[in-house]
Every structure is written in C-alpha cells, then in structure tokens.
Amino acid sequence: MSGTEAETAAPETADPEAEYRQLSRELLRNTKSPRHRAAVQALIEERTILSLPAVQRVLIVDSRKGRAAQLPGLSGCQYSLGLDEGQRCFLGLVMSLVGLGITTLASVEDLDDRRLPIILRAILRLAGNETIAVGTRL
C-alpha cells in the first residue's frame, strides 16, 4: 500500500475514554457562567446522557475556542433524545440549574443512588461550596 492509500484508509479506532475526557475538558473550558458550568459538570459526571450521539448533536456546538455546550438547545427536546425515565429526570434537574424548563425539586425522589449525589454536588457548586462531602453515611 502506498503512503497515499495508507492516509486515506480508515483511521485507527480511537480510545472512547480519551475522547470523552477531551470533550469534557473542552466543554468545561468553554463554559463561563457558574450555573452553566455546574450543569455541564453534572452532565459530565453522569456520563450516560452526554455520551448519547443525539444529545451531543443538540447540545454541542463548535466555537472558535473548541466545542461548547449550548444548554438552551436541549429545551423542548428531552422526549425526543431517546432518554430513559431516569435520564430525563436528571436532565430536567440539570436544566433547572440554569433556569431552563420547569422541574420541581421533588423530582429528586426519582433519581437513583448514582445520580442523586451528582445533582447535590451541582447544587453545592452553585452555592459556591465544594467542601461539603456528599456520600453515604456509615
């Protein structure tokens, strides 16, 4: 195979974990508002939502500085993204962090044991307090 053919051949499969870390860094770097930053951090920590191609198509835009999250793009399309009930509940709460949508705080009852601490940490970030530990009491 010549050098030209090798260059046009399918690229090697990239490491999905490395790609996710790179995406996470770019999204956080390009998010300036504290509210949006807390919401983006929550989506990064939750991971299953942000990993969905349908969510990435709606949420992520290319900017001069790299990829950025446009949370208002998610408004009104939560039911068309292929999310399960737990993911929709979590996303609704995340959207509420930035003032989008109408999700009551009572919906935290619907979060599982993995997602609840993520939302609680996001709320603490908004309050400017990252020193309170959120976890299981022994």
C-alpha atoms as a PDB file:
ATOM      1  CA  MET A   1       0.000   0.000   0.000  1.00  0.00           C
ATOM      2  CA  SER A   2       1.395   3.398  -0.921  1.00  0.00           C
ATOM      3  CA  GLY A   3       1.636   6.311   1.510  1.00  0.00           C
ATOM      4  CA  THR A   4      -1.412   7.963  -0.067  1.00  0.00           C
ATOM      5  CA  GLU A   5      -3.522   4.820   0.325  1.00  0.00           C
ATOM      6  CA  ALA A   6      -2.456   4.467   3.949  1.00  0.00           C
ATOM      7  CA  GLU A   7      -3.512   8.062   4.641  1.00  0.00           C
ATOM      8  CA  THR A   8      -6.989   7.543   3.149  1.00  0.00           C
ATOM      9  CA  ALA A   9      -7.563   4.223   4.919  1.00  0.00           C
ATOM     10  CA  ALA A  10      -9.937   4.187   7.887  1.00  0.00           C
ATOM     11  CA  PRO A  11      -8.290   5.727  10.945  1.00  0.00           C
ATOM     12  CA  GLU A  12      -7.493   3.500  13.865  1.00  0.00           C
ATOM     13  CA  THR A  13     -10.251   3.176  16.402  1.00  0.00           C
ATOM     14  CA  ALA A  14      -9.805   5.989  18.884  1.00  0.00           C
ATOM     15  CA  ASP A  15      -9.955   5.398  22.597  1.00  0.00           C
ATOM     16  CA  PRO A  16     -13.536   6.303  23.665  1.00  0.00           C
ATOM     17  CA  GLU A  17     -12.391   7.127  27.196  1.00  0.00           C
ATOM     18  CA  ALA A  18      -9.746   9.553  25.920  1.00  0.00           C
ATOM     19  CA  GLU A  19     -12.278  11.141  23.569  1.00  0.00           C
ATOM     20  CA  TYR A  20     -14.751  11.608  26.448  1.00  0.00           C
ATOM     21  CA  ARG A  21     -12.062  13.202  28.650  1.00  0.00           C
ATOM     22  CA  GLN A  22     -11.111  15.562  25.816  1.00  0.00           C
ATOM     23  CA  LEU A  23     -14.760  16.502  25.208  1.00  0.00           C
ATOM     24  CA  SER A  24     -15.245  17.087  28.947  1.00  0.00           C
ATOM     25  CA  ARG A  25     -12.207  19.360  29.158  1.00  0.00           C
ATOM     26  CA  GLU A  26     -13.319  21.392  26.136  1.00  0.00           C
ATOM     27  CA  LEU A  27     -16.882  21.799  27.390  1.00  0.00           C
ATOM     28  CA  LEU A  28     -15.724  22.944  30.827  1.00  0.00           C
ATOM     29  CA  ARG A  29     -13.067  25.261  29.405  1.00  0.00           C
ATOM     30  CA  ASN A  30     -15.610  26.940  27.125  1.00  0.00           C
ATOM     31  CA  THR A  31     -18.304  27.337  29.795  1.00  0.00           C
ATOM     32  CA  LYS A  32     -18.008  30.645  31.617  1.00  0.00           C
ATOM     33  CA  SER A  33     -21.247  31.042  33.590  1.00  0.00           C
ATOM     34  CA  PRO A  34     -21.153  29.381  37.039  1.00  0.00           C
ATOM     35  CA  ARG A  35     -24.653  27.981  36.500  1.00  0.00           C
ATOM     36  CA  HIS A  36     -23.817  26.518  33.119  1.00  0.00           C
ATOM     37  CA  ARG A  37     -20.516  25.199  34.439  1.00  0.00           C
ATOM     38  CA  ALA A  38     -22.293  23.378  37.297  1.00  0.00           C
ATOM     39  CA  ALA A  39     -24.778  21.910  34.803  1.00  0.00           C
ATOM     40  CA  VAL A  40     -22.074  20.818  32.350  1.00  0.00           C
ATOM     41  CA  GLN A  41     -20.045  19.278  35.190  1.00  0.00           C
ATOM     42  CA  ALA A  42     -23.138  17.329  36.303  1.00  0.00           C
ATOM     43  CA  LEU A  43     -23.679  16.006  32.766  1.00  0.00           C
ATOM     44  CA  ILE A  44     -20.025  15.014  32.551  1.00  0.00           C
ATOM     45  CA  GLU A  45     -20.182  13.167  35.878  1.00  0.00           C
ATOM     46  CA  GLU A  46     -23.458  11.432  34.958  1.00  0.00           C
ATOM     47  CA  ARG A  47     -21.933  10.439  31.611  1.00  0.00           C
ATOM     48  CA  THR A  48     -24.721   8.282  30.106  1.00  0.00           C
ATOM     49  CA  ILE A  49     -26.623  11.320  28.818  1.00  0.00           C
ATOM     50  CA  LEU A  50     -23.638  13.201  27.404  1.00  0.00           C
ATOM     51  CA  SER A  51     -22.385  10.031  25.703  1.00  0.00           C
ATOM     52  CA  LEU A  52     -25.509   9.762  23.541  1.00  0.00           C
ATOM     53  CA  PRO A  53     -24.973  10.962  19.942  1.00  0.00           C
ATOM     54  CA  ALA A  54     -28.481  12.502  19.849  1.00  0.00           C
ATOM     55  CA  VAL A  55     -27.670  14.621  22.916  1.00  0.00           C
ATOM     56  CA  GLN A  56     -24.292  15.644  21.517  1.00  0.00           C
ATOM     57  CA  ARG A  57     -25.895  16.771  18.233  1.00  0.00           C
ATOM     58  CA  VAL A  58     -28.308  19.048  20.097  1.00  0.00           C
ATOM     59  CA  LEU A  59     -26.067  20.206  22.944  1.00  0.00           C
ATOM     60  CA  ILE A  60     -22.604  20.693  21.472  1.00  0.00           C
ATOM     61  CA  VAL A  61     -21.643  23.457  19.070  1.00  0.00           C
ATOM     62  CA  ASP A  62     -18.269  24.272  17.587  1.00  0.00           C
ATOM     63  CA  SER A  63     -16.905  27.643  18.621  1.00  0.00           C
ATOM     64  CA  ARG A  64     -13.705  29.485  17.846  1.00  0.00           C
ATOM     65  CA  LYS A  65     -12.227  28.040  21.040  1.00  0.00           C
ATOM     66  CA  GLY A  66     -13.462  24.472  20.522  1.00  0.00           C
ATOM     67  CA  ARG A  67     -16.616  22.614  21.428  1.00  0.00           C
ATOM     68  CA  ALA A  68     -19.070  24.300  23.767  1.00  0.00           C
ATOM     69  CA  ALA A  69     -22.331  23.274  25.416  1.00  0.00           C
ATOM     70  CA  GLN A  70     -25.456  25.197  24.459  1.00  0.00           C
ATOM     71  CA  LEU A  71     -27.894  24.076  27.152  1.00  0.00           C
ATOM     72  CA  PRO A  72     -30.872  26.030  25.760  1.00  0.00           C
ATOM     73  CA  GLY A  73     -30.685  23.717  22.729  1.00  0.00           C
ATOM     74  CA  LEU A  74     -31.902  20.880  24.941  1.00  0.00           C
ATOM     75  CA  SER A  75     -35.093  22.730  25.920  1.00  0.00           C
ATOM     76  CA  GLY A  76     -38.159  21.145  24.479  1.00  0.00           C
ATOM     77  CA  CYS A  77     -36.483  18.080  23.042  1.00  0.00           C
ATOM     78  CA  GLN A  78     -35.924  15.948  26.141  1.00  0.00           C
ATOM     79  CA  TYR A  79     -38.513  13.416  24.977  1.00  0.00           C
ATOM     80  CA  SER A  80     -37.014  13.057  21.502  1.00  0.00           C
ATOM     81  CA  LEU A  81     -33.463  12.196  22.566  1.00  0.00           C
ATOM     82  CA  GLY A  82     -34.032   8.531  23.412  1.00  0.00           C
ATOM     83  CA  LEU A  83     -33.518   9.008  27.154  1.00  0.00           C
ATOM     84  CA  ASP A  84     -34.960   6.649  29.736  1.00  0.00           C
ATOM     85  CA  GLU A  85     -37.062   7.982  32.617  1.00  0.00           C
ATOM     86  CA  GLY A  86     -34.101   8.343  34.999  1.00  0.00           C
ATOM     87  CA  GLN A  87     -32.064  10.211  32.417  1.00  0.00           C
ATOM     88  CA  ARG A  88     -34.979  12.556  31.614  1.00  0.00           C
ATOM     89  CA  CYS A  89     -35.482  13.299  35.304  1.00  0.00           C
ATOM     90  CA  PHE A  90     -31.781  14.024  35.771  1.00  0.00           C
ATOM     91  CA  LEU A  91     -31.626  16.192  32.644  1.00  0.00           C
ATOM     92  CA  GLY A  92     -34.691  18.130  33.801  1.00  0.00           C
ATOM     93  CA  LEU A  93     -32.980  18.936  37.088  1.00  0.00           C
ATOM     94  CA  VAL A  94     -29.775  19.917  35.303  1.00  0.00           C
ATOM     95  CA  MET A  95     -31.743  22.231  33.030  1.00  0.00           C
ATOM     96  CA  SER A  96     -33.355  23.757  36.119  1.00  0.00           C
ATOM     97  CA  LEU A  97     -29.900  24.621  37.454  1.00  0.00           C
ATOM     98  CA  VAL A  98     -29.514  27.090  34.598  1.00  0.00           C
ATOM     99  CA  GLY A  99     -33.097  28.337  34.706  1.00  0.00           C
ATOM    100  CA  LEU A 100     -34.419  26.345  31.760  1.00  0.00           C
ATOM    101  CA  GLY A 101     -37.602  24.328  31.952  1.00  0.00           C
ATOM    102  CA  ILE A 102     -39.860  23.701  34.874  1.00  0.00           C
ATOM    103  CA  THR A 103     -38.784  20.802  37.052  1.00  0.00           C
ATOM    104  CA  THR A 104     -39.728  20.706  40.697  1.00  0.00           C
ATOM    105  CA  LEU A 105     -37.184  19.847  43.332  1.00  0.00           C
ATOM    106  CA  ALA A 106     -39.491  16.997  44.366  1.00  0.00           C
ATOM    107  CA  SER A 107     -38.297  15.115  41.291  1.00  0.00           C
ATOM    108  CA  VAL A 108     -35.086  14.254  43.162  1.00  0.00           C
ATOM    109  CA  GLU A 109     -37.171  11.378  44.560  1.00  0.00           C
ATOM    110  CA  ASP A 110     -36.960   9.786  41.121  1.00  0.00           C
ATOM    111  CA  LEU A 111     -33.155   9.850  40.988  1.00  0.00           C
ATOM    112  CA  ASP A 112     -31.175   6.698  41.633  1.00  0.00           C
ATOM    113  CA  ASP A 113     -28.331   6.383  44.123  1.00  0.00           C
ATOM    114  CA  ARG A 114     -25.752   7.253  41.463  1.00  0.00           C
ATOM    115  CA  ARG A 115     -27.402  10.400  40.098  1.00  0.00           C
ATOM    116  CA  LEU A 116     -28.616  11.967  43.352  1.00  0.00           C
ATOM    117  CA  PRO A 117     -25.109  12.803  44.680  1.00  0.00           C
ATOM    118  CA  ILE A 118     -24.218  14.322  41.296  1.00  0.00           C
ATOM    119  CA  ILE A 119     -27.173  16.730  41.478  1.00  0.00           C
ATOM    120  CA  LEU A 120     -26.413  17.542  45.105  1.00  0.00           C
ATOM    121  CA  ARG A 121     -22.787  18.366  44.227  1.00  0.00           C
ATOM    122  CA  ALA A 122     -24.011  20.574  41.355  1.00  0.00           C
ATOM    123  CA  ILE A 123     -26.293  22.486  43.738  1.00  0.00           C
ATOM    124  CA  LEU A 124     -23.409  22.935  46.164  1.00  0.00           C
ATOM    125  CA  ARG A 125     -21.227  24.267  43.336  1.00  0.00           C
ATOM    126  CA  LEU A 126     -23.898  26.852  42.568  1.00  0.00           C
ATOM    127  CA  ALA A 127     -23.862  27.885  46.215  1.00  0.00           C
ATOM    128  CA  GLY A 128     -20.091  28.285  45.994  1.00  0.00           C
ATOM    129  CA  ASN A 129     -19.404  25.469  48.399  1.00  0.00           C
ATOM    130  CA  GLU A 130     -17.409  22.496  47.231  1.00  0.00           C
ATOM    131  CA  THR A 131     -16.201  21.471  50.687  1.00  0.00           C
ATOM    132  CA  ILE A 132     -19.320  19.653  51.863  1.00  0.00           C
ATOM    133  CA  ALA A 133     -18.984  15.943  51.179  1.00  0.00           C
ATOM    134  CA  VAL A 134     -21.923  14.179  49.554  1.00  0.00           C
ATOM    135  CA  GLY A 135     -21.897  10.462  50.125  1.00  0.00           C
ATOM    136  CA  THR A 136     -23.224   7.574  52.152  1.00  0.00           C
ATOM    137  CA  ARG A 137     -23.169   7.926  55.891  1.00  0.00           C
ATOM    138  CA  LEU A 138     -21.739   4.911  57.670  1.00  0.00           C
END
